[in-house]
């Protein structure tokens, strides 16, 4: 059964369940899914202000396992600078139904809403999804480890620099990937909205 589920103000037509992975992960916003599973708390580190959610269709074991892959990559980056932020894993089989209505290419395996203070990650970035991983590697011309790293760095560039321009975001992402301090182009904060990864040329 699929019903519209409200996650941080976004409505998704997903299975009626959701899994919350990590310390303090239940969002305070209204529209909590009809059923939920709370995963064991992760160690209290610099991710304490970060919340981790798996959308409908996940069980607790898969959510915790796949979210651990995401957390490991996030630990390499200055996510403490984000303040309160939510990371949402969405199953690959649901991805297109989530991104297409928002005008985001299904070839983009991640997108961010600065207004909602949330980043949405496709499942195939953190675990094997037959067929889908091959599509993403062909589109982006990267192996999956590099693509996950690039996706996280790219979304962080959009967030930290309040940057909607894809070229500028890619430049800032490369600095993060090289372990350099991020240098944002001086400009007024951009308008709120959802922004996905620009396709690699």
C-alpha atoms as a PDB file:
ATOM      1  CA  UNK A   1       0.000   0.000   0.000  1.00  0.00           C
ATOM      2  CA  UNK A   2       1.330   3.438  -0.901  1.00  0.00           C
ATOM      3  CA  UNK A   3       0.107   6.655   0.661  1.00  0.00           C
ATOM      4  CA  UNK A   4       1.502  10.200   0.578  1.00  0.00           C
ATOM      5  CA  UNK A   5       4.079  10.388   3.397  1.00  0.00           C
ATOM      6  CA  UNK A   6       5.232  13.721   4.787  1.00  0.00           C
ATOM      7  CA  UNK A   7       8.966  13.841   5.560  1.00  0.00           C
ATOM      8  CA  UNK A   8      10.212  17.295   6.519  1.00  0.00           C
ATOM      9  CA  UNK A   9       7.437  18.879   4.514  1.00  0.00           C
ATOM     10  CA  UNK A  10       8.086  16.769   1.404  1.00  0.00           C
ATOM     11  CA  UNK A  11       5.296  14.429   0.362  1.00  0.00           C
ATOM     12  CA  UNK A  12       6.369  11.075  -1.050  1.00  0.00           C
ATOM     13  CA  UNK A  13       4.063   8.339  -2.319  1.00  0.00           C
ATOM     14  CA  UNK A  14       5.959   5.505  -0.653  1.00  0.00           C
ATOM     15  CA  UNK A  15       5.119   2.366   1.336  1.00  0.00           C
ATOM     16  CA  UNK A  16       3.588   3.201   4.716  1.00  0.00           C
ATOM     17  CA  UNK A  17       6.632   2.740   6.936  1.00  0.00           C
ATOM     18  CA  UNK A  18       9.820   4.553   7.777  1.00  0.00           C
ATOM     19  CA  UNK A  19      12.987   3.786   9.723  1.00  0.00           C
ATOM     20  CA  UNK A  20      14.965   6.228  11.789  1.00  0.00           C
ATOM     21  CA  UNK A  21      18.673   5.464  12.196  1.00  0.00           C
ATOM     22  CA  UNK A  22      20.791   7.095  14.863  1.00  0.00           C
ATOM     23  CA  UNK A  23      20.644   9.431  17.850  1.00  0.00           C
ATOM     24  CA  UNK A  24      17.679  11.781  18.031  1.00  0.00           C
ATOM     25  CA  UNK A  25      16.656  10.940  14.514  1.00  0.00           C
ATOM     26  CA  UNK A  26      12.916  11.370  14.718  1.00  0.00           C
ATOM     27  CA  UNK A  27      12.185  14.778  13.122  1.00  0.00           C
ATOM     28  CA  UNK A  28      10.155  17.265  15.079  1.00  0.00           C
ATOM     29  CA  UNK A  29       8.183  18.334  12.030  1.00  0.00           C
ATOM     30  CA  UNK A  30       4.599  17.110  11.618  1.00  0.00           C
ATOM     31  CA  UNK A  31       3.592  14.275   9.353  1.00  0.00           C
ATOM     32  CA  UNK A  32       5.319  11.333  11.056  1.00  0.00           C
ATOM     33  CA  UNK A  33       4.761   8.130   9.041  1.00  0.00           C
ATOM     34  CA  UNK A  34       2.093   5.695  10.258  1.00  0.00           C
ATOM     35  CA  UNK A  35       4.678   3.209  11.499  1.00  0.00           C
ATOM     36  CA  UNK A  36       8.344   3.435  12.297  1.00  0.00           C
ATOM     37  CA  UNK A  37      11.319   1.556  13.701  1.00  0.00           C
ATOM     38  CA  UNK A  38      13.971   3.262  15.792  1.00  0.00           C
ATOM     39  CA  UNK A  39      17.447   1.900  15.136  1.00  0.00           C
ATOM     40  CA  UNK A  40      20.086   1.634  17.883  1.00  0.00           C
ATOM     41  CA  UNK A  41      21.825   4.933  18.591  1.00  0.00           C
ATOM     42  CA  UNK A  42      25.193   5.519  16.978  1.00  0.00           C
ATOM     43  CA  UNK A  43      28.151   6.886  18.997  1.00  0.00           C
ATOM     44  CA  UNK A  44      27.782  10.547  19.909  1.00  0.00           C
ATOM     45  CA  UNK A  45      30.310  12.321  17.672  1.00  0.00           C
ATOM     46  CA  UNK A  46      30.389  15.525  15.670  1.00  0.00           C
ATOM     47  CA  UNK A  47      27.305  14.206  13.855  1.00  0.00           C
ATOM     48  CA  UNK A  48      25.150  14.853  16.930  1.00  0.00           C
ATOM     49  CA  UNK A  49      23.213  17.577  15.084  1.00  0.00           C
ATOM     50  CA  UNK A  50      22.775  15.295  12.091  1.00  0.00           C
ATOM     51  CA  UNK A  51      19.655  13.178  11.677  1.00  0.00           C
ATOM     52  CA  UNK A  52      19.458  10.016   9.574  1.00  0.00           C
ATOM     53  CA  UNK A  53      16.225   8.634   8.121  1.00  0.00           C
ATOM     54  CA  UNK A  54      15.391   5.732   5.828  1.00  0.00           C
ATOM     55  CA  UNK A  55      12.099   6.054   3.985  1.00  0.00           C
ATOM     56  CA  UNK A  56       9.371   3.456   3.526  1.00  0.00           C
ATOM     57  CA  UNK A  57      10.307  -0.095   2.596  1.00  0.00           C
ATOM     58  CA  UNK A  58      13.420  -0.260   4.780  1.00  0.00           C
ATOM     59  CA  UNK A  59      13.710  -2.581   7.747  1.00  0.00           C
ATOM     60  CA  UNK A  60      15.906  -1.651  10.690  1.00  0.00           C
ATOM     61  CA  UNK A  61      18.808  -3.926   9.778  1.00  0.00           C
ATOM     62  CA  UNK A  62      19.137  -2.662   6.203  1.00  0.00           C
ATOM     63  CA  UNK A  63      18.675   0.928   7.270  1.00  0.00           C
ATOM     64  CA  UNK A  64      21.448   0.751   9.877  1.00  0.00           C
ATOM     65  CA  UNK A  65      23.798  -1.119   7.522  1.00  0.00           C
ATOM     66  CA  UNK A  66      23.324   1.228   4.569  1.00  0.00           C
ATOM     67  CA  UNK A  67      23.333   4.362   6.692  1.00  0.00           C
ATOM     68  CA  UNK A  68      26.678   3.283   8.173  1.00  0.00           C
ATOM     69  CA  UNK A  69      28.186   3.529   4.664  1.00  0.00           C
ATOM     70  CA  UNK A  70      26.846   7.068   4.337  1.00  0.00           C
ATOM     71  CA  UNK A  71      28.039   8.070   7.806  1.00  0.00           C
ATOM     72  CA  UNK A  72      31.562   6.833   7.055  1.00  0.00           C
ATOM     73  CA  UNK A  73      31.818   9.115   4.029  1.00  0.00           C
ATOM     74  CA  UNK A  74      30.230  12.057   5.829  1.00  0.00           C
ATOM     75  CA  UNK A  75      32.849  11.747   8.587  1.00  0.00           C
ATOM     76  CA  UNK A  76      35.492  12.958   6.117  1.00  0.00           C
ATOM     77  CA  UNK A  77      33.776  16.302   5.620  1.00  0.00           C
ATOM     78  CA  UNK A  78      32.986  19.342   7.827  1.00  0.00           C
ATOM     79  CA  UNK A  79      29.334  18.444   8.376  1.00  0.00           C
ATOM     80  CA  UNK A  80      29.386  20.021  11.838  1.00  0.00           C
ATOM     81  CA  UNK A  81      29.312  23.354   9.993  1.00  0.00           C
ATOM     82  CA  UNK A  82      25.833  22.497   8.723  1.00  0.00           C
ATOM     83  CA  UNK A  83      24.221  22.673  12.143  1.00  0.00           C
ATOM     84  CA  UNK A  84      20.925  20.789  12.326  1.00  0.00           C
ATOM     85  CA  UNK A  85      20.641  18.705   9.156  1.00  0.00           C
ATOM     86  CA  UNK A  86      18.786  15.588   7.992  1.00  0.00           C
ATOM     87  CA  UNK A  87      20.061  12.880   5.646  1.00  0.00           C
ATOM     88  CA  UNK A  88      17.387  10.746   4.010  1.00  0.00           C
ATOM     89  CA  UNK A  89      17.971   7.431   2.232  1.00  0.00           C
ATOM     90  CA  UNK A  90      15.409   6.576  -0.455  1.00  0.00           C
ATOM     91  CA  UNK A  91      15.158   3.153  -2.084  1.00  0.00           C
ATOM     92  CA  UNK A  92      16.280   3.085  -5.704  1.00  0.00           C
ATOM     93  CA  UNK A  93      12.957   1.581  -6.790  1.00  0.00           C
ATOM     94  CA  UNK A  94      11.232   4.701  -5.436  1.00  0.00           C
ATOM     95  CA  UNK A  95      13.806   7.251  -6.620  1.00  0.00           C
ATOM     96  CA  UNK A  96      12.255   8.242  -9.944  1.00  0.00           C
ATOM     97  CA  UNK A  97       8.836   8.798  -8.387  1.00  0.00           C
ATOM     98  CA  UNK A  98      10.487  11.188  -5.919  1.00  0.00           C
ATOM     99  CA  UNK A  99      12.743  13.231  -8.209  1.00  0.00           C
ATOM    100  CA  UNK A 100      10.737  13.505 -11.429  1.00  0.00           C
ATOM    101  CA  UNK A 101       7.830  15.508  -9.915  1.00  0.00           C
ATOM    102  CA  UNK A 102      10.448  17.926  -8.561  1.00  0.00           C
ATOM    103  CA  UNK A 103      12.040  18.510 -11.959  1.00  0.00           C
ATOM    104  CA  UNK A 104      15.219  16.649 -11.019  1.00  0.00           C
ATOM    105  CA  UNK A 105      16.858  14.208 -13.429  1.00  0.00           C
ATOM    106  CA  UNK A 106      16.649  10.557 -12.328  1.00  0.00           C
ATOM    107  CA  UNK A 107      20.340  10.348 -13.301  1.00  0.00           C
ATOM    108  CA  UNK A 108      21.055  12.510 -10.270  1.00  0.00           C
ATOM    109  CA  UNK A 109      21.436  10.170  -7.231  1.00  0.00           C
ATOM    110  CA  UNK A 110      21.263  12.962  -4.649  1.00  0.00           C
ATOM    111  CA  UNK A 111      19.493  16.270  -4.105  1.00  0.00           C
ATOM    112  CA  UNK A 112      19.276  18.878  -1.367  1.00  0.00           C
ATOM    113  CA  UNK A 113      16.617  21.182  -0.041  1.00  0.00           C
ATOM    114  CA  UNK A 114      18.350  24.033   1.738  1.00  0.00           C
ATOM    115  CA  UNK A 115      14.969  25.332   2.907  1.00  0.00           C
ATOM    116  CA  UNK A 116      14.114  21.996   4.580  1.00  0.00           C
ATOM    117  CA  UNK A 117      17.719  21.507   5.732  1.00  0.00           C
ATOM    118  CA  UNK A 118      17.775  18.030   4.247  1.00  0.00           C
ATOM    119  CA  UNK A 119      19.722  16.001   1.694  1.00  0.00           C
ATOM    120  CA  UNK A 120      18.171  13.013  -0.047  1.00  0.00           C
ATOM    121  CA  UNK A 121      20.383  10.118  -1.161  1.00  0.00           C
ATOM    122  CA  UNK A 122      19.509   7.262  -3.499  1.00  0.00           C
ATOM    123  CA  UNK A 123      20.028   3.776  -2.063  1.00  0.00           C
ATOM    124  CA  UNK A 124      22.238   2.634  -4.959  1.00  0.00           C
ATOM    125  CA  UNK A 125      24.986   4.983  -3.751  1.00  0.00           C
ATOM    126  CA  UNK A 126      25.439   2.980  -0.545  1.00  0.00           C
ATOM    127  CA  UNK A 127      24.574  -0.615  -1.468  1.00  0.00           C
ATOM    128  CA  UNK A 128      24.328  -2.959  -4.427  1.00  0.00           C
ATOM    129  CA  UNK A 129      21.168  -2.451  -6.470  1.00  0.00           C
ATOM    130  CA  UNK A 130      21.212  -4.724  -9.545  1.00  0.00           C
ATOM    131  CA  UNK A 131      21.072  -2.729 -12.764  1.00  0.00           C
ATOM    132  CA  UNK A 132      20.887   0.698 -11.174  1.00  0.00           C
ATOM    133  CA  UNK A 133      24.528   0.871 -10.125  1.00  0.00           C
ATOM    134  CA  UNK A 134      25.607   0.071 -13.673  1.00  0.00           C
ATOM    135  CA  UNK A 135      23.400   2.874 -14.989  1.00  0.00           C
ATOM    136  CA  UNK A 136      24.913   5.398 -12.591  1.00  0.00           C
ATOM    137  CA  UNK A 137      28.506   4.357 -13.285  1.00  0.00           C
ATOM    138  CA  UNK A 138      27.900   4.622 -17.022  1.00  0.00           C
ATOM    139  CA  UNK A 139      26.246   8.034 -16.704  1.00  0.00           C
ATOM    140  CA  UNK A 140      28.828   9.529 -14.360  1.00  0.00           C
ATOM    141  CA  UNK A 141      31.872   7.567 -15.570  1.00  0.00           C
ATOM    142  CA  UNK A 142      32.942   6.812 -11.998  1.00  0.00           C
ATOM    143  CA  UNK A 143      33.082   3.749  -9.790  1.00  0.00           C
ATOM    144  CA  UNK A 144      30.546   3.736  -6.959  1.00  0.00           C
ATOM    145  CA  UNK A 145      32.972   4.680  -4.190  1.00  0.00           C
ATOM    146  CA  UNK A 146      34.074   7.756  -6.129  1.00  0.00           C
ATOM    147  CA  UNK A 147      30.493   8.613  -7.061  1.00  0.00           C
ATOM    148  CA  UNK A 148      29.329   8.469  -3.445  1.00  0.00           C
ATOM    149  CA  UNK A 149      32.232  10.714  -2.423  1.00  0.00           C
ATOM    150  CA  UNK A 150      31.487  13.135  -5.252  1.00  0.00           C
ATOM    151  CA  UNK A 151      27.748  13.186  -4.496  1.00  0.00           C
ATOM    152  CA  UNK A 152      28.335  14.057  -0.843  1.00  0.00           C
ATOM    153  CA  UNK A 153      30.978  16.690  -1.628  1.00  0.00           C
ATOM    154  CA  UNK A 154      28.762  18.186  -4.329  1.00  0.00           C
ATOM    155  CA  UNK A 155      25.729  18.466  -2.061  1.00  0.00           C
ATOM    156  CA  UNK A 156      27.874  19.928   0.726  1.00  0.00           C
ATOM    157  CA  UNK A 157      29.171  22.527  -1.723  1.00  0.00           C
ATOM    158  CA  UNK A 158      25.604  23.579  -2.509  1.00  0.00           C
ATOM    159  CA  UNK A 159      24.807  23.754   1.218  1.00  0.00           C
ATOM    160  CA  UNK A 160      27.924  25.409   2.634  1.00  0.00           C
ATOM    161  CA  UNK A 161      28.204  27.939  -0.179  1.00  0.00           C
ATOM    162  CA  UNK A 162      24.444  28.442  -0.621  1.00  0.00           C
ATOM    163  CA  UNK A 163      25.298  27.882  -4.247  1.00  0.00           C
ATOM    164  CA  UNK A 164      22.815  26.945  -6.987  1.00  0.00           C
ATOM    165  CA  UNK A 165      25.233  27.283  -9.897  1.00  0.00           C
ATOM    166  CA  UNK A 166      26.405  23.791 -10.877  1.00  0.00           C
ATOM    167  CA  UNK A 167      29.800  24.943 -12.124  1.00  0.00           C
ATOM    168  CA  UNK A 168      30.604  26.734  -8.881  1.00  0.00           C
ATOM    169  CA  UNK A 169      29.319  23.791  -6.834  1.00  0.00           C
ATOM    170  CA  UNK A 170      31.525  21.359  -8.766  1.00  0.00           C
ATOM    171  CA  UNK A 171      34.558  23.592  -8.189  1.00  0.00           C
ATOM    172  CA  UNK A 172      33.863  23.771  -4.453  1.00  0.00           C
ATOM    173  CA  UNK A 173      33.211  20.009  -4.350  1.00  0.00           C
ATOM    174  CA  UNK A 174      36.601  19.308  -5.897  1.00  0.00           C
ATOM    175  CA  UNK A 175      38.245  21.354  -3.156  1.00  0.00           C
ATOM    176  CA  UNK A 176      36.476  19.248  -0.537  1.00  0.00           C
ATOM    177  CA  UNK A 177      37.474  16.033  -2.298  1.00  0.00           C
ATOM    178  CA  UNK A 178      41.110  17.177  -2.310  1.00  0.00           C
ATOM    179  CA  UNK A 179      40.961  17.937   1.406  1.00  0.00           C
ATOM    180  CA  UNK A 180      41.319  21.677   0.893  1.00  0.00           C
ATOM    181  CA  UNK A 181      39.359  24.379   2.768  1.00  0.00           C
ATOM    182  CA  UNK A 182      36.268  25.189   0.765  1.00  0.00           C
ATOM    183  CA  UNK A 183      36.290  28.624  -0.866  1.00  0.00           C
ATOM    184  CA  UNK A 184      32.857  29.919  -1.774  1.00  0.00           C
ATOM    185  CA  UNK A 185      32.240  32.530  -4.402  1.00  0.00           C
ATOM    186  CA  UNK A 186      31.143  35.746  -2.696  1.00  0.00           C
ATOM    187  CA  UNK A 187      27.473  36.278  -3.516  1.00  0.00           C
ATOM    188  CA  UNK A 188      24.138  36.775  -1.766  1.00  0.00           C
ATOM    189  CA  UNK A 189      22.413  33.651  -0.454  1.00  0.00           C
ATOM    190  CA  UNK A 190      20.442  31.917  -3.188  1.00  0.00           C
ATOM    191  CA  UNK A 191      16.726  31.335  -3.140  1.00  0.00           C
ATOM    192  CA  UNK A 192      15.501  28.235  -1.350  1.00  0.00           C
ATOM    193  CA  UNK A 193      14.648  25.181  -3.373  1.00  0.00           C
ATOM    194  CA  UNK A 194      15.630  21.629  -4.236  1.00  0.00           C
ATOM    195  CA  UNK A 195      18.872  21.148  -6.111  1.00  0.00           C
ATOM    196  CA  UNK A 196      20.197  17.891  -7.546  1.00  0.00           C
ATOM    197  CA  UNK A 197      23.613  16.980  -8.892  1.00  0.00           C
ATOM    198  CA  UNK A 198      24.287  18.421 -12.333  1.00  0.00           C
ATOM    199  CA  UNK A 199      25.138  15.673 -14.805  1.00  0.00           C
ATOM    200  CA  UNK A 200      28.826  15.224 -15.466  1.00  0.00           C
ATOM    201  CA  UNK A 201      29.905  16.157 -18.962  1.00  0.00           C
END
